[in-house]
């Protein structure tokens, strides 16, 4: 394979009710679109539209999933700092 392999992403979307949802994907644009079409996570289905507010790229699915877990453990204030670019990487 060449170096153009798909990236894996940990991402956060802001929901219409002001809540934040964190997930991982290997196709960021498609995943956000599916959230907004009501085909994403059950959590976001009733909280549309969602807006991508943060993401990080990783070479492997495992790294993206590990980072997703780390981000989900953060407080709301820590997530907001991450969105502003003030957070540190795991």
N, C-alpha and C. Protein backbone atom coordinates (compact mmCIF):
# COMPACT_ATOMS: atom_id res chain seq x y z
N UNK A 1 0.83 -1.22 0.00
CA UNK A 1 0.00 0.00 0.00
C UNK A 1 0.86 1.26 0.00
N UNK A 2 0.33 2.31 -0.55
CA UNK A 2 1.08 3.56 -0.56
C UNK A 2 0.82 4.35 0.72
N UNK A 3 1.39 5.53 0.78
CA UNK A 3 1.27 6.35 2.00
C UNK A 3 -0.06 7.09 2.09
N UNK A 4 -0.96 6.86 1.15
CA UNK A 4 -2.24 7.55 1.16
C UNK A 4 -3.32 6.75 1.88
N UNK A 5 -2.91 5.90 2.82
CA UNK A 5 -3.89 5.14 3.58
C UNK A 5 -4.79 6.09 4.35
N UNK A 6 -5.99 5.62 4.64
CA UNK A 6 -6.94 6.46 5.37
C UNK A 6 -6.44 6.79 6.76
N UNK A 7 -6.70 8.01 7.17
CA UNK A 7 -6.43 8.43 8.54
C UNK A 7 -7.61 7.98 9.40
N UNK A 8 -7.38 7.93 10.68
CA UNK A 8 -8.43 7.65 11.64
C UNK A 8 -8.53 8.88 12.54
N UNK A 9 -9.75 9.23 12.91
CA UNK A 9 -9.96 10.48 13.63
C UNK A 9 -10.74 10.27 14.92
N UNK A 10 -10.35 11.01 15.92
CA UNK A 10 -11.17 11.19 17.11
C UNK A 10 -11.77 12.58 16.93
N UNK A 11 -13.06 12.71 17.17
CA UNK A 11 -13.72 13.98 16.88
C UNK A 11 -14.75 14.32 17.95
N UNK A 12 -15.12 15.59 17.97
CA UNK A 12 -16.17 16.06 18.86
C UNK A 12 -17.11 16.93 18.04
N UNK A 13 -18.41 16.72 18.24
CA UNK A 13 -19.41 17.57 17.61
C UNK A 13 -20.21 18.26 18.70
N UNK A 14 -20.63 19.49 18.40
CA UNK A 14 -21.53 20.22 19.28
C UNK A 14 -22.94 19.96 18.78
N UNK A 15 -23.80 19.53 19.68
CA UNK A 15 -25.19 19.22 19.32
C UNK A 15 -26.06 20.46 19.49
N UNK A 16 -27.25 20.42 18.89
CA UNK A 16 -28.15 21.57 18.93
C UNK A 16 -28.61 21.93 20.34
N UNK A 17 -28.54 20.97 21.27
CA UNK A 17 -28.94 21.27 22.66
C UNK A 17 -27.77 21.76 23.50
N UNK A 18 -26.61 21.98 22.87
CA UNK A 18 -25.45 22.49 23.58
C UNK A 18 -24.54 21.41 24.13
N UNK A 19 -24.95 20.16 24.02
CA UNK A 19 -24.11 19.07 24.52
C UNK A 19 -23.02 18.74 23.50
N UNK A 20 -22.03 17.98 23.96
CA UNK A 20 -20.92 17.57 23.11
C UNK A 20 -20.92 16.05 22.97
N UNK A 21 -20.64 15.57 21.78
CA UNK A 21 -20.55 14.14 21.53
C UNK A 21 -19.17 13.83 20.97
N UNK A 22 -18.52 12.81 21.50
CA UNK A 22 -17.19 12.40 21.05
C UNK A 22 -17.27 11.02 20.42
N UNK A 23 -16.58 10.85 19.31
CA UNK A 23 -16.53 9.56 18.64
C UNK A 23 -15.25 9.41 17.85
N UNK A 24 -15.16 8.33 17.08
CA UNK A 24 -14.01 8.13 16.18
C UNK A 24 -14.53 7.63 14.84
N UNK A 25 -13.76 7.86 13.81
CA UNK A 25 -14.14 7.46 12.45
C UNK A 25 -12.91 7.43 11.56
N UNK A 26 -13.05 6.82 10.38
CA UNK A 26 -11.97 6.91 9.39
C UNK A 26 -12.40 7.77 8.20
N UNK A 27 -13.58 8.39 8.31
CA UNK A 27 -14.07 9.31 7.27
C UNK A 27 -14.87 10.42 7.97
N UNK A 28 -14.16 11.47 8.32
CA UNK A 28 -14.72 12.55 9.13
C UNK A 28 -15.92 13.22 8.48
N UNK A 29 -15.79 13.59 7.22
CA UNK A 29 -16.88 14.28 6.52
C UNK A 29 -18.13 13.41 6.45
N UNK A 30 -17.95 12.15 6.09
CA UNK A 30 -19.08 11.22 5.99
C UNK A 30 -19.74 11.00 7.36
N UNK A 31 -18.93 10.91 8.40
CA UNK A 31 -19.46 10.66 9.75
C UNK A 31 -20.30 11.84 10.24
N UNK A 32 -19.83 13.05 10.05
CA UNK A 32 -20.60 14.22 10.47
C UNK A 32 -21.90 14.31 9.67
N UNK A 33 -21.81 14.02 8.37
CA UNK A 33 -23.00 14.02 7.52
C UNK A 33 -24.01 12.97 8.04
N UNK A 34 -23.52 11.79 8.40
CA UNK A 34 -24.44 10.75 8.89
C UNK A 34 -25.08 11.15 10.21
N UNK A 35 -24.33 11.84 11.08
CA UNK A 35 -24.94 12.36 12.32
C UNK A 35 -26.10 13.29 11.97
N UNK A 36 -25.87 14.18 11.02
CA UNK A 36 -26.88 15.17 10.66
C UNK A 36 -28.05 14.59 9.87
N UNK A 37 -27.86 13.42 9.30
CA UNK A 37 -28.96 12.75 8.60
C UNK A 37 -29.73 11.82 9.53
N UNK A 38 -29.33 11.79 10.81
CA UNK A 38 -30.02 10.94 11.77
C UNK A 38 -29.58 9.49 11.72
N UNK A 39 -28.49 9.23 11.01
CA UNK A 39 -27.99 7.86 10.87
C UNK A 39 -26.75 7.61 11.71
N UNK A 40 -26.33 8.62 12.45
CA UNK A 40 -25.14 8.47 13.28
C UNK A 40 -25.48 7.79 14.59
N UNK A 41 -24.89 8.23 15.64
CA UNK A 41 -25.12 7.65 16.96
C UNK A 41 -26.53 7.96 17.46
N UNK A 42 -27.06 7.07 18.26
CA UNK A 42 -28.39 7.27 18.85
C UNK A 42 -28.43 8.60 19.62
N UNK A 43 -27.32 8.92 20.30
CA UNK A 43 -27.27 10.14 21.11
C UNK A 43 -27.52 11.39 20.27
N UNK A 44 -26.94 11.45 19.08
CA UNK A 44 -27.04 12.68 18.27
C UNK A 44 -28.33 12.73 17.45
N UNK A 45 -29.01 11.62 17.32
CA UNK A 45 -30.20 11.55 16.46
C UNK A 45 -31.25 12.60 16.82
N UNK A 46 -31.48 12.80 18.12
CA UNK A 46 -32.49 13.77 18.56
C UNK A 46 -31.88 15.13 18.90
N UNK A 47 -30.60 15.30 18.60
CA UNK A 47 -29.91 16.54 18.95
C UNK A 47 -29.30 17.21 17.72
N UNK A 48 -29.97 17.02 16.58
CA UNK A 48 -29.47 17.60 15.34
C UNK A 48 -29.93 19.03 15.18
N UNK A 49 -29.22 19.83 14.39
CA UNK A 49 -27.99 19.46 13.69
C UNK A 49 -26.78 19.49 14.63
N UNK A 50 -25.74 18.79 14.20
CA UNK A 50 -24.48 18.81 14.94
C UNK A 50 -23.45 19.54 14.10
N UNK A 51 -22.43 20.06 14.78
CA UNK A 51 -21.37 20.79 14.10
C UNK A 51 -20.03 20.27 14.60
N UNK A 52 -19.14 19.93 13.68
CA UNK A 52 -17.81 19.48 14.05
C UNK A 52 -17.06 20.63 14.70
N UNK A 53 -16.57 20.41 15.93
CA UNK A 53 -15.87 21.48 16.65
C UNK A 53 -14.42 21.14 16.97
N UNK A 54 -14.05 19.86 16.81
CA UNK A 54 -12.67 19.46 17.14
C UNK A 54 -12.40 18.09 16.56
N UNK A 55 -11.15 17.86 16.14
CA UNK A 55 -10.73 16.52 15.73
C UNK A 55 -9.22 16.40 15.79
N UNK A 56 -8.76 15.15 15.92
CA UNK A 56 -7.33 14.81 15.85
C UNK A 56 -7.21 13.60 14.94
N UNK A 57 -6.13 13.53 14.19
CA UNK A 57 -5.90 12.42 13.26
C UNK A 57 -4.87 11.45 13.83
N UNK A 58 -5.07 10.17 13.53
CA UNK A 58 -4.17 9.11 13.98
C UNK A 58 -3.94 8.12 12.85
N UNK A 59 -2.77 7.47 12.85
CA UNK A 59 -2.51 6.49 11.79
C UNK A 59 -3.28 5.19 11.95
N UNK A 60 -3.68 4.84 13.17
CA UNK A 60 -4.39 3.58 13.37
C UNK A 60 -5.73 3.77 14.07
N UNK A 61 -6.63 2.84 13.81
CA UNK A 61 -7.94 2.82 14.45
C UNK A 61 -7.79 2.70 15.96
N UNK A 62 -6.86 1.87 16.39
CA UNK A 62 -6.66 1.66 17.83
C UNK A 62 -6.28 2.95 18.55
N UNK A 63 -5.40 3.75 17.94
CA UNK A 63 -5.01 5.02 18.55
C UNK A 63 -6.19 5.98 18.63
N UNK A 64 -6.99 6.03 17.56
CA UNK A 64 -8.16 6.91 17.55
C UNK A 64 -9.16 6.47 18.63
N UNK A 65 -9.36 5.17 18.77
CA UNK A 65 -10.29 4.66 19.78
C UNK A 65 -9.78 4.93 21.20
N UNK A 66 -8.47 4.81 21.39
CA UNK A 66 -7.87 5.09 22.69
C UNK A 66 -8.07 6.56 23.05
N UNK A 67 -7.85 7.44 22.07
CA UNK A 67 -8.02 8.87 22.31
C UNK A 67 -9.49 9.21 22.57
N UNK A 68 -10.40 8.54 21.86
CA UNK A 68 -11.83 8.75 22.10
C UNK A 68 -12.15 8.46 23.56
N UNK A 69 -11.64 7.34 24.06
CA UNK A 69 -11.88 6.98 25.46
C UNK A 69 -11.34 8.05 26.40
N UNK A 70 -10.11 8.52 26.13
CA UNK A 70 -9.50 9.56 26.97
C UNK A 70 -10.35 10.83 26.98
N UNK A 71 -10.80 11.26 25.81
CA UNK A 71 -11.58 12.50 25.70
C UNK A 71 -12.91 12.34 26.43
N UNK A 72 -13.52 11.17 26.33
CA UNK A 72 -14.80 10.95 27.00
C UNK A 72 -14.67 11.01 28.53
N UNK A 73 -13.47 10.84 29.05
CA UNK A 73 -13.25 10.92 30.50
C UNK A 73 -13.07 12.36 30.98
N UNK A 74 -12.88 13.29 30.05
CA UNK A 74 -12.65 14.69 30.41
C UNK A 74 -13.93 15.35 30.91
N UNK A 75 -13.75 16.38 31.72
CA UNK A 75 -14.89 17.19 32.15
C UNK A 75 -15.32 18.09 31.00
N UNK A 76 -16.48 18.68 31.14
CA UNK A 76 -16.97 19.63 30.11
C UNK A 76 -15.96 20.76 29.92
N UNK A 77 -15.44 21.30 31.03
CA UNK A 77 -14.47 22.40 30.94
C UNK A 77 -13.21 21.96 30.20
N UNK A 78 -12.75 20.74 30.46
CA UNK A 78 -11.56 20.23 29.78
C UNK A 78 -11.82 20.03 28.29
N UNK A 79 -13.01 19.56 27.95
CA UNK A 79 -13.37 19.40 26.53
C UNK A 79 -13.42 20.76 25.84
N UNK A 80 -13.97 21.76 26.52
CA UNK A 80 -14.04 23.10 25.94
C UNK A 80 -12.64 23.66 25.72
N UNK A 81 -11.72 23.38 26.65
CA UNK A 81 -10.33 23.81 26.48
C UNK A 81 -9.69 23.12 25.28
N UNK A 82 -9.98 21.85 25.10
CA UNK A 82 -9.47 21.11 23.96
C UNK A 82 -9.97 21.72 22.66
N UNK A 83 -11.24 22.06 22.61
CA UNK A 83 -11.84 22.69 21.44
C UNK A 83 -11.15 24.02 21.13
N UNK A 84 -10.81 24.76 22.17
CA UNK A 84 -10.12 26.05 21.98
C UNK A 84 -8.64 25.87 21.64
N UNK A 85 -8.16 24.63 21.68
CA UNK A 85 -6.75 24.39 21.37
C UNK A 85 -5.85 24.51 22.57
N UNK A 86 -6.44 24.51 23.76
CA UNK A 86 -5.66 24.67 24.98
C UNK A 86 -5.37 23.33 25.66
N UNK A 87 -6.00 22.27 25.18
CA UNK A 87 -5.82 20.96 25.80
C UNK A 87 -4.55 20.29 25.31
N UNK A 88 -4.08 19.31 26.07
CA UNK A 88 -2.89 18.59 25.65
C UNK A 88 -3.28 17.21 25.17
N UNK A 89 -2.43 16.63 24.40
CA UNK A 89 -2.66 15.29 23.88
C UNK A 89 -2.25 14.27 24.90
N UNK A 90 -3.13 13.25 25.08
CA UNK A 90 -2.95 12.15 25.99
C UNK A 90 -1.61 11.83 26.37
